[in-house]
Amino acid sequence: MPDSLQDDEPAPRRVKEDEAAKHHDRAVQNALVEAQKQILQFLQRRLGDRDAADEVLQRFSLRALERASQLHDVRMVRGWLGRILATTIVDYQREAARRRRREIVIDQAEVETHPVDEELDAAICNCLYRILPTLKAEYADIIWRADILGEPRDRLAESLGTSLNNVTVRLHRGRQALRKRLEQMCRTCPVHGFMDCHCEKGEHLRKAIAEAKAKITP
């Protein structure tokens, strides 16, 4: 067989691989947008105002990015995100009250430890439900069972037929993968649904993220 034909043989395979990669990227991006929408819809219901919901969503995204390094230390991803969202809402409402010249007293420590309400918890769960399928199946499964459902690790190890140490390692890696997805979600344009968007809101988000990074960078 001529060399030229031999050289051309891998091309169709490369094309298929490229198409598969692009399809996967689109699927991931769509999932991130849908996850973001779940939180935005909840915020609109809770705050009763789209502009306020957009503002709180952006603040929540920034806080999640700032605290993303904590993800491997927390026991429950769901609770971790829920507390960030709850405190973001309270802080926004406190600022709004001040702008209206009304004084309110809020114990921040109490907010941090107060149980997340059912509606907020459902919004977080729906968000994670959209994101988890974009991870490797073994990571998505163990995060869902350990972090979302709260299944004990020893029971997980027994049902998976593996060691407790292996479960711990897999959960750690899964959380790292989830953290990456959450960071991508937080950088996603709320209007056009993709990262690094150059529309007005996209640029505003990029600027806010850059400012937040500058504050935490030594």
Protein backbone atom coordinates (compact mmCIF):
# COMPACT_ATOMS: atom_id res chain seq x y z
CA MET A 1 0.00 0.00 0.00
CA PRO A 2 1.42 3.47 -0.87
CA ASP A 3 2.84 5.48 2.01
CA SER A 4 0.50 8.38 1.30
CA LEU A 5 -2.53 6.21 1.91
CA GLN A 6 -1.03 4.82 5.10
CA ASP A 7 -0.41 8.36 6.38
CA ASP A 8 -4.01 9.34 5.65
CA GLU A 9 -5.57 6.42 7.52
CA PRO A 10 -5.55 7.97 11.04
CA ALA A 11 -7.27 11.16 9.81
CA PRO A 12 -10.88 9.90 10.11
CA ARG A 13 -10.13 8.68 13.60
CA ARG A 14 -8.70 12.07 14.58
CA VAL A 15 -11.76 13.82 13.15
CA LYS A 16 -14.05 11.57 15.19
CA GLU A 17 -12.01 12.17 18.33
CA ASP A 18 -12.10 15.94 17.77
CA GLU A 19 -15.85 15.84 17.21
CA ALA A 20 -16.33 13.75 20.34
CA ALA A 21 -14.22 16.20 22.36
CA LYS A 22 -16.21 19.17 21.06
CA HIS A 23 -19.48 17.39 21.84
CA HIS A 24 -18.26 16.67 25.37
CA ASP A 25 -17.20 20.29 25.87
CA ARG A 26 -20.61 21.51 24.71
CA ALA A 27 -22.35 19.05 27.02
CA VAL A 28 -20.26 20.20 29.97
CA GLN A 29 -20.91 23.86 29.19
CA ASN A 30 -24.65 23.26 28.87
CA ALA A 31 -24.64 21.48 32.22
CA LEU A 32 -22.83 24.38 33.88
CA VAL A 33 -25.32 26.86 32.46
CA GLU A 34 -28.26 24.77 33.65
CA ALA A 35 -26.69 24.47 37.10
CA GLN A 36 -26.29 28.23 37.27
CA LYS A 37 -29.90 28.71 36.19
CA GLN A 38 -31.10 26.55 39.07
CA ILE A 39 -29.54 28.93 41.57
CA LEU A 40 -30.65 32.05 39.68
CA GLN A 41 -34.27 30.86 39.60
CA PHE A 42 -34.17 30.21 43.34
CA LEU A 43 -32.71 33.67 43.98
CA GLN A 44 -35.40 35.33 41.88
CA ARG A 45 -38.07 33.58 43.93
CA ARG A 46 -36.36 34.41 47.22
CA LEU A 47 -35.52 38.05 46.45
CA GLY A 48 -38.37 38.87 44.09
CA ASP A 49 -36.13 40.90 41.78
CA ARG A 50 -34.06 39.83 38.78
CA ASP A 51 -31.37 42.48 39.22
CA ALA A 52 -30.95 41.52 42.88
CA ALA A 53 -30.80 37.85 41.91
CA ASP A 54 -28.10 38.58 39.32
CA GLU A 55 -26.08 40.52 41.88
CA VAL A 56 -26.31 37.80 44.54
CA LEU A 57 -25.46 35.10 41.98
CA GLN A 58 -22.31 37.00 41.04
CA ARG A 59 -21.33 37.46 44.68
CA PHE A 60 -22.00 33.79 45.36
CA SER A 61 -19.84 32.83 42.38
CA LEU A 62 -16.98 35.01 43.62
CA ARG A 63 -17.17 33.63 47.15
CA ALA A 64 -17.25 30.07 45.85
CA LEU A 65 -14.14 30.80 43.77
CA GLU A 66 -12.39 32.44 46.72
CA ARG A 67 -13.15 29.49 48.98
CA ALA A 68 -12.71 26.72 46.42
CA SER A 69 -9.50 25.60 48.10
CA GLN A 70 -11.60 24.59 51.13
CA LEU A 71 -13.54 22.01 49.16
CA HIS A 72 -11.21 19.12 49.92
CA ASP A 73 -11.51 19.85 53.65
CA VAL A 74 -15.28 19.93 53.97
CA ARG A 75 -17.33 16.85 54.65
CA MET A 76 -20.38 17.89 52.69
CA VAL A 77 -20.14 19.75 49.39
CA ARG A 78 -23.85 20.41 49.52
CA GLY A 79 -23.69 22.02 52.95
CA TRP A 80 -20.57 23.96 52.00
CA LEU A 81 -22.25 25.53 48.99
CA GLY A 82 -25.48 26.04 50.90
CA ARG A 83 -23.75 28.03 53.63
CA ILE A 84 -21.95 30.20 51.09
CA LEU A 85 -25.22 30.95 49.31
CA ALA A 86 -27.10 31.60 52.57
CA THR A 87 -24.51 34.05 53.90
CA THR A 88 -24.35 35.79 50.53
CA ILE A 89 -28.11 36.35 50.58
CA VAL A 90 -28.04 37.63 54.16
CA ASP A 91 -25.15 39.99 53.46
CA TYR A 92 -26.94 41.40 50.41
CA GLN A 93 -30.15 41.90 52.36
CA ARG A 94 -28.25 43.60 55.17
CA GLU A 95 -26.64 46.02 52.73
CA ALA A 96 -30.01 46.69 51.09
CA ALA A 97 -31.51 47.43 54.50
CA ARG A 98 -28.71 49.87 55.26
CA ARG A 99 -29.32 51.62 51.97
CA ARG A 100 -32.94 52.02 53.02
CA ARG A 101 -31.66 53.57 56.28
CA ARG A 102 -33.01 50.76 58.44
CA GLU A 103 -30.81 49.18 61.08
CA ILE A 104 -30.79 45.43 61.46
CA VAL A 105 -28.69 43.31 63.73
CA ILE A 106 -27.36 40.03 62.33
CA ASP A 107 -25.09 37.65 64.15
CA GLN A 108 -22.73 36.43 61.40
CA ALA A 109 -21.66 33.41 63.47
CA GLU A 110 -25.30 32.41 63.82
CA VAL A 111 -25.80 32.71 60.06
CA GLU A 112 -22.78 30.46 59.43
CA THR A 113 -24.07 27.73 61.73
CA HIS A 114 -27.80 28.05 61.08
CA PRO A 115 -29.31 25.11 59.17
CA VAL A 116 -29.85 25.77 55.48
CA ASP A 117 -33.56 26.01 54.65
CA GLU A 118 -35.20 23.39 52.45
CA GLU A 119 -35.74 25.61 49.40
CA LEU A 120 -32.13 26.77 49.36
CA ASP A 121 -30.90 23.21 49.90
CA ALA A 122 -33.04 22.05 46.96
CA ALA A 123 -31.50 24.73 44.72
CA ILE A 124 -28.00 23.54 45.64
CA CYS A 125 -28.96 19.91 45.07
CA ASN A 126 -30.41 20.71 41.64
CA CYS A 127 -27.24 22.62 40.79
CA LEU A 128 -25.02 19.69 41.75
CA TYR A 129 -27.35 17.27 40.00
CA ARG A 130 -26.64 19.11 36.75
CA ILE A 131 -22.87 19.21 37.27
CA LEU A 132 -22.11 15.72 38.56
CA PRO A 133 -22.83 13.87 35.27
CA THR A 134 -19.99 15.88 33.68
CA LEU A 135 -17.49 14.11 35.96
CA LYS A 136 -16.15 10.59 35.62
CA ALA A 137 -18.84 8.11 36.62
CA GLU A 138 -16.81 6.79 39.57
CA TYR A 139 -16.33 10.33 40.91
CA ALA A 140 -19.93 11.39 40.35
CA ASP A 141 -21.25 8.28 42.11
CA ILE A 142 -19.10 8.57 45.19
CA ILE A 143 -19.69 12.32 45.61
CA TRP A 144 -23.42 11.82 45.23
CA ARG A 145 -23.48 9.07 47.83
CA ALA A 146 -20.95 10.51 50.29
CA ASP A 147 -21.42 14.27 50.00
CA ILE A 148 -25.01 14.63 48.83
CA LEU A 149 -26.72 11.68 50.51
CA GLY A 150 -24.30 11.47 53.44
CA GLU A 151 -23.64 7.73 53.18
CA PRO A 152 -20.89 6.57 55.62
CA ARG A 153 -17.55 5.75 54.01
CA ASP A 154 -17.32 2.29 55.55
CA ARG A 155 -20.66 1.37 53.99
CA LEU A 156 -19.49 2.80 50.67
CA ALA A 157 -16.33 0.70 50.80
CA GLU A 158 -18.33 -2.44 51.54
CA SER A 159 -20.86 -1.87 48.76
CA LEU A 160 -18.12 -1.05 46.24
CA GLY A 161 -16.02 -4.01 47.29
CA THR A 162 -12.98 -1.89 48.00
CA SER A 163 -10.96 -0.53 50.92
CA LEU A 164 -11.81 2.48 53.06
CA ASN A 165 -8.55 4.08 51.93
CA ASN A 166 -9.54 3.66 48.28
CA VAL A 167 -12.88 5.33 48.97
CA THR A 168 -11.10 8.25 50.65
CA VAL A 169 -8.72 8.67 47.71
CA ARG A 170 -11.51 8.46 45.15
CA LEU A 171 -13.61 10.97 47.08
CA HIS A 172 -10.68 13.38 47.30
CA ARG A 173 -10.07 13.17 43.55
CA GLY A 174 -13.76 13.50 42.84
CA ARG A 175 -13.95 16.66 44.94
CA GLN A 176 -11.01 18.11 43.05
CA ALA A 177 -12.80 17.43 39.76
CA LEU A 178 -16.02 18.91 41.13
CA ARG A 179 -14.16 21.98 42.35
CA LYS A 180 -12.90 22.55 38.81
CA ARG A 181 -16.45 22.32 37.46
CA LEU A 182 -17.75 24.73 40.11
CA GLU A 183 -15.02 27.20 39.24
CA GLN A 184 -16.00 26.91 35.57
CA MET A 185 -19.65 27.47 36.47
CA CYS A 186 -18.75 30.57 38.46
CA ARG A 187 -16.90 31.97 35.44
CA THR A 188 -19.76 31.28 33.05
CA CYS A 189 -21.51 34.30 31.55
CA PRO A 190 -25.06 34.48 32.97
CA VAL A 191 -26.36 35.93 29.69
CA HIS A 192 -24.71 33.99 26.86
CA GLY A 193 -23.73 30.86 28.73
CA PHE A 194 -20.03 30.50 28.05
CA MET A 195 -16.79 31.36 29.80
CA ASP A 196 -14.68 34.41 28.95
CA CYS A 197 -17.64 36.19 27.38
CA HIS A 198 -16.98 39.80 26.35
CA CYS A 199 -20.52 41.13 26.76
CA GLU A 200 -21.16 43.80 29.42
CA LYS A 201 -22.15 41.35 32.16
CA GLY A 202 -19.42 38.92 31.17
CA GLU A 203 -16.78 41.64 31.39
CA HIS A 204 -18.19 42.79 34.72
CA LEU A 205 -17.91 39.25 36.05
CA ARG A 206 -14.36 38.87 34.73
CA LYS A 207 -13.34 42.15 36.36
CA ALA A 208 -14.90 41.14 39.68
CA ILE A 209 -13.13 37.77 39.58
CA ALA A 210 -9.81 39.45 38.83
CA GLU A 211 -10.30 41.86 41.75
CA ALA A 212 -11.22 39.00 44.07
CA LYS A 213 -8.12 37.06 43.03
CA ALA A 214 -5.93 40.11 43.62
CA LYS A 215 -7.22 40.36 47.18
CA ILE A 216 -6.32 36.77 48.06
CA THR A 217 -3.01 36.61 46.17
CA PRO A 218 0.01 37.29 48.45
